[in-house]
Amino acid sequence: MTTLHSSLGPNPRLARMFMVEKGLVEGRDFTRVHYDIISGQNRQDAGYVARNPLATTPTLELDDGTCLTESWPICEYIEELHPEPNLFGTTPVERATVRKWARLFDQEVVVPMTMGFRATTGRPMFAPRMSVLSESAGAEIFAMADEKWRLFDGFLGESDHIALGRFTFADLMMFAFANFGFTVGWKLPEGTDNLARFVATHNQRPCAGVWKEAE
């Protein structure tokens, strides 16, 4: 059976949320192995490092031993196996549109937000293990991420979907990283009422339960 190697954090939870949206059930459709990234279990487990030399999570281990890493490619792989409900688009134009918005969000929000977190609130956990920005630079880049959140608030407008007028992977990514922020004490920036509505709306989705589980 396919195994999802998982942990705390927005990327493994993004993959799990995608599986929920696809109707995949843990124990029936896949198994899940949880790693304690706070203690560094993922980096100390020789078996896991053999599967993923970077020791990042998630990793999707297929029945033949193939290991897929990075949440986005994992989600695209699952989409190809389980095309309904569709989350990446049904035509070349739709798929390009969803990927455009997901890439923009990844570049403009995810990268500065995660780098800022690692250098500030998350510094005690990340600084001993990897290079991080100075605390002052981390605070600055965190603020830059907030500016981009405001930009996406404008892109949303009165819609609850960033692409195609329906729920897609791009929405799932935005929703996942907003929830990640909430778990580390972040709040939506002032003037982002559209994002607040977006989050409240999608909090009703079954995949939102992933953020309510204790791990």
Protein backbone atom coordinates (compact mmCIF):
# COMPACT_ATOMS: atom_id res chain seq x y z
CA MET A 1 0.00 0.00 0.00
CA THR A 2 1.18 3.54 -0.74
CA THR A 3 2.74 5.22 2.30
CA LEU A 4 2.72 8.91 3.10
CA HIS A 5 5.67 9.88 5.26
CA SER A 6 4.38 12.94 7.07
CA SER A 7 4.85 15.35 9.97
CA LEU A 8 3.74 18.68 11.33
CA GLY A 9 4.07 21.62 8.98
CA PRO A 10 2.22 23.15 6.05
CA ASN A 11 3.67 21.03 3.25
CA PRO A 12 2.84 17.57 4.62
CA ARG A 13 -0.54 18.86 5.68
CA LEU A 14 -1.11 20.28 2.19
CA ALA A 15 -0.61 16.77 0.79
CA ARG A 16 -2.96 15.30 3.39
CA MET A 17 -5.60 17.96 2.67
CA PHE A 18 -5.36 17.14 -1.03
CA MET A 19 -5.94 13.46 -0.25
CA VAL A 20 -9.01 14.36 1.81
CA GLU A 21 -10.37 16.44 -1.08
CA LYS A 22 -9.89 13.40 -3.33
CA GLY A 23 -11.82 11.20 -0.94
CA LEU A 24 -8.78 9.08 -0.09
CA VAL A 25 -8.96 7.49 3.34
CA GLU A 26 -6.01 6.72 5.58
CA GLY A 27 -5.86 3.00 6.31
CA ARG A 28 -7.94 2.14 3.26
CA ASP A 29 -6.17 3.93 0.42
CA PHE A 30 -2.80 4.69 2.01
CA THR A 31 -0.90 4.35 5.23
CA ARG A 32 0.74 7.25 7.04
CA VAL A 33 3.96 7.33 9.00
CA HIS A 34 4.39 10.35 11.27
CA TYR A 35 7.78 11.85 12.13
CA ASP A 36 8.48 14.18 15.03
CA ILE A 37 10.28 17.01 13.25
CA ILE A 38 10.61 18.98 16.50
CA SER A 39 13.07 16.38 17.80
CA GLY A 40 14.57 15.88 14.35
CA GLN A 41 13.32 12.30 14.00
CA ASN A 42 13.09 12.66 10.23
CA ARG A 43 16.81 13.51 10.02
CA GLN A 44 17.87 10.81 12.45
CA ASP A 45 15.90 7.93 10.93
CA ALA A 46 18.31 6.19 8.52
CA GLY A 47 15.47 4.47 6.72
CA TYR A 48 13.74 7.75 6.02
CA VAL A 49 16.93 9.51 4.92
CA ALA A 50 17.51 6.63 2.49
CA ARG A 51 14.08 7.33 1.00
CA ASN A 52 14.57 11.09 0.93
CA PRO A 53 18.19 12.26 1.37
CA LEU A 54 17.03 15.81 2.17
CA ALA A 55 14.91 14.35 5.00
CA THR A 56 12.12 16.82 4.25
CA THR A 57 8.45 15.94 4.54
CA PRO A 58 6.25 14.80 2.92
CA THR A 59 7.46 11.80 0.96
CA LEU A 60 5.02 9.54 -0.87
CA GLU A 61 6.38 5.98 -1.08
CA LEU A 62 4.75 3.94 -3.83
CA ASP A 63 4.21 0.19 -3.83
CA ASP A 64 7.25 -0.38 -6.05
CA GLY A 65 9.51 1.58 -3.71
CA THR A 66 9.54 4.79 -5.77
CA CYS A 67 9.64 7.81 -3.46
CA LEU A 68 8.11 11.12 -4.52
CA THR A 69 9.02 14.26 -2.60
CA GLU A 70 7.67 17.82 -2.46
CA SER A 71 4.00 18.41 -1.76
CA TRP A 72 3.10 20.00 -5.12
CA PRO A 73 4.39 17.13 -7.33
CA ILE A 74 2.83 14.63 -4.92
CA CYS A 75 -0.54 16.35 -5.36
CA GLU A 76 -0.18 16.36 -9.15
CA TYR A 77 0.64 12.64 -9.09
CA ILE A 78 -2.47 11.94 -7.01
CA GLU A 79 -4.53 14.08 -9.41
CA GLU A 80 -3.45 11.91 -12.32
CA LEU A 81 -4.48 8.74 -10.50
CA HIS A 82 -7.71 10.24 -9.15
CA PRO A 83 -8.84 12.94 -11.60
CA GLU A 84 -12.17 13.54 -9.86
CA PRO A 85 -12.97 15.80 -8.19
CA ASN A 86 -10.68 17.81 -10.42
CA LEU A 87 -8.33 20.22 -8.63
CA PHE A 88 -5.80 21.17 -11.32
CA GLY A 89 -8.01 21.89 -14.32
CA THR A 90 -9.47 19.81 -17.11
CA THR A 91 -7.96 21.60 -20.12
CA PRO A 92 -4.44 22.88 -20.92
CA VAL A 93 -5.61 26.46 -20.32
CA GLU A 94 -7.24 25.58 -16.99
CA ARG A 95 -4.18 23.67 -15.79
CA ALA A 96 -1.89 26.54 -16.79
CA THR A 97 -4.16 28.98 -14.94
CA VAL A 98 -4.17 26.95 -11.72
CA ARG A 99 -0.40 26.48 -11.88
CA LYS A 100 0.09 30.19 -12.53
CA TRP A 101 -1.74 31.18 -9.38
CA ALA A 102 -0.12 28.44 -7.31
CA ARG A 103 3.35 29.44 -8.48
CA LEU A 104 2.72 33.13 -7.82
CA PHE A 105 1.50 32.36 -4.34
CA ASP A 106 4.43 30.04 -3.70
CA GLN A 107 6.96 32.64 -4.78
CA GLU A 108 5.35 35.75 -3.37
CA VAL A 109 3.92 34.46 -0.08
CA VAL A 110 5.14 30.98 0.85
CA VAL A 111 8.85 31.62 0.41
CA PRO A 112 9.07 34.87 2.43
CA MET A 113 6.56 33.65 5.00
CA THR A 114 8.43 30.42 5.73
CA MET A 115 11.85 32.08 5.67
CA GLY A 116 10.57 34.74 8.05
CA PHE A 117 9.12 32.14 10.40
CA ARG A 118 12.37 30.14 10.48
CA ALA A 119 14.36 33.24 11.39
CA THR A 120 11.97 34.54 14.07
CA THR A 121 9.31 32.48 15.85
CA GLY A 122 10.74 29.18 14.60
CA ARG A 123 14.37 30.13 15.16
CA PRO A 124 14.99 27.80 18.14
CA MET A 125 13.99 24.81 16.02
CA PHE A 126 15.57 25.76 12.68
CA ALA A 127 18.76 27.69 13.50
CA PRO A 128 20.64 24.65 14.85
CA ARG A 129 19.85 22.65 11.69
CA MET A 130 20.12 25.02 8.75
CA SER A 131 21.15 28.47 7.64
CA VAL A 132 18.52 31.06 8.51
CA LEU A 133 18.25 34.81 8.10
CA SER A 134 19.09 37.15 10.95
CA GLU A 135 16.15 37.90 13.22
CA SER A 136 15.87 41.44 11.87
CA ALA A 137 15.93 40.24 8.26
CA GLY A 138 13.40 37.57 9.19
CA ALA A 139 11.03 40.20 10.56
CA GLU A 140 11.45 42.26 7.40
CA ILE A 141 10.74 39.38 5.06
CA PHE A 142 7.76 38.31 7.20
CA ALA A 143 6.39 41.83 6.67
CA MET A 144 6.99 41.50 2.93
CA ALA A 145 4.88 38.34 2.96
CA ASP A 146 2.06 40.29 4.61
CA GLU A 147 2.19 42.80 1.76
CA LYS A 148 1.72 39.95 -0.70
CA TRP A 149 -1.16 38.53 1.31
CA ARG A 150 -2.84 41.92 0.79
CA LEU A 151 -2.12 41.62 -2.92
CA PHE A 152 -3.86 38.25 -3.03
CA ASP A 153 -6.75 39.70 -1.07
CA GLY A 154 -7.20 42.07 -4.01
CA PHE A 155 -6.89 39.25 -6.52
CA LEU A 156 -9.66 37.35 -4.71
CA GLY A 157 -12.07 40.28 -4.69
CA GLU A 158 -15.57 39.04 -3.97
CA SER A 159 -14.78 35.48 -5.04
CA ASP A 160 -13.93 32.59 -2.74
CA HIS A 161 -11.69 31.07 -5.43
CA ILE A 162 -8.46 32.40 -6.91
CA ALA A 163 -8.81 30.44 -10.19
CA LEU A 164 -11.51 28.96 -12.44
CA GLY A 165 -14.38 30.06 -10.20
CA ARG A 166 -14.21 26.79 -8.26
CA PHE A 167 -12.04 25.13 -5.63
CA THR A 168 -8.62 24.17 -7.00
CA PHE A 169 -5.13 23.34 -5.83
CA ALA A 170 -4.31 27.06 -5.84
CA ASP A 171 -7.06 27.67 -3.26
CA LEU A 172 -5.90 24.68 -1.24
CA MET A 173 -2.36 26.05 -1.09
CA MET A 174 -3.56 29.47 0.07
CA PHE A 175 -5.84 27.92 2.66
CA ALA A 176 -3.11 25.59 3.96
CA PHE A 177 -0.56 28.36 4.46
CA ALA A 178 -3.08 30.65 6.13
CA ASN A 179 -3.74 27.84 8.60
CA PHE A 180 -0.02 27.31 9.05
CA GLY A 181 0.28 30.97 9.97
CA PHE A 182 -2.49 30.70 12.52
CA THR A 183 -0.70 27.79 14.24
CA VAL A 184 2.44 29.91 14.79
CA GLY A 185 0.67 33.02 16.08
CA TRP A 186 0.32 34.88 12.78
CA LYS A 187 -2.85 36.80 11.93
CA LEU A 188 -4.27 37.93 8.63
CA PRO A 189 -2.95 41.44 7.90
CA GLU A 190 -5.28 44.39 8.31
CA GLY A 191 -7.34 45.15 5.25
CA THR A 192 -7.75 41.56 4.11
CA ASP A 193 -11.47 41.06 4.55
CA ASN A 194 -11.65 39.00 1.36
CA LEU A 195 -9.08 36.57 2.73
CA ALA A 196 -10.93 36.38 6.04
CA ARG A 197 -14.08 35.40 4.14
CA PHE A 198 -12.07 32.94 2.03
CA VAL A 199 -10.69 31.23 5.14
CA ALA A 200 -14.07 31.14 6.88
CA THR A 201 -15.71 29.63 3.81
CA HIS A 202 -13.13 26.89 3.33
CA ASN A 203 -13.01 26.13 7.04
CA GLN A 204 -16.24 24.27 6.30
CA ARG A 205 -14.47 21.84 3.97
CA PRO A 206 -13.59 18.37 5.30
CA CYS A 207 -9.90 18.98 4.58
CA ALA A 208 -9.86 21.75 7.21
CA GLY A 209 -10.01 18.99 9.81
CA VAL A 210 -6.36 18.20 9.13
CA TRP A 211 -5.46 21.38 11.04
CA LYS A 212 -7.55 20.39 14.04
CA GLU A 213 -5.87 17.05 14.63
CA ALA A 214 -3.29 16.61 17.38
CA GLU A 215 -0.01 15.10 16.19
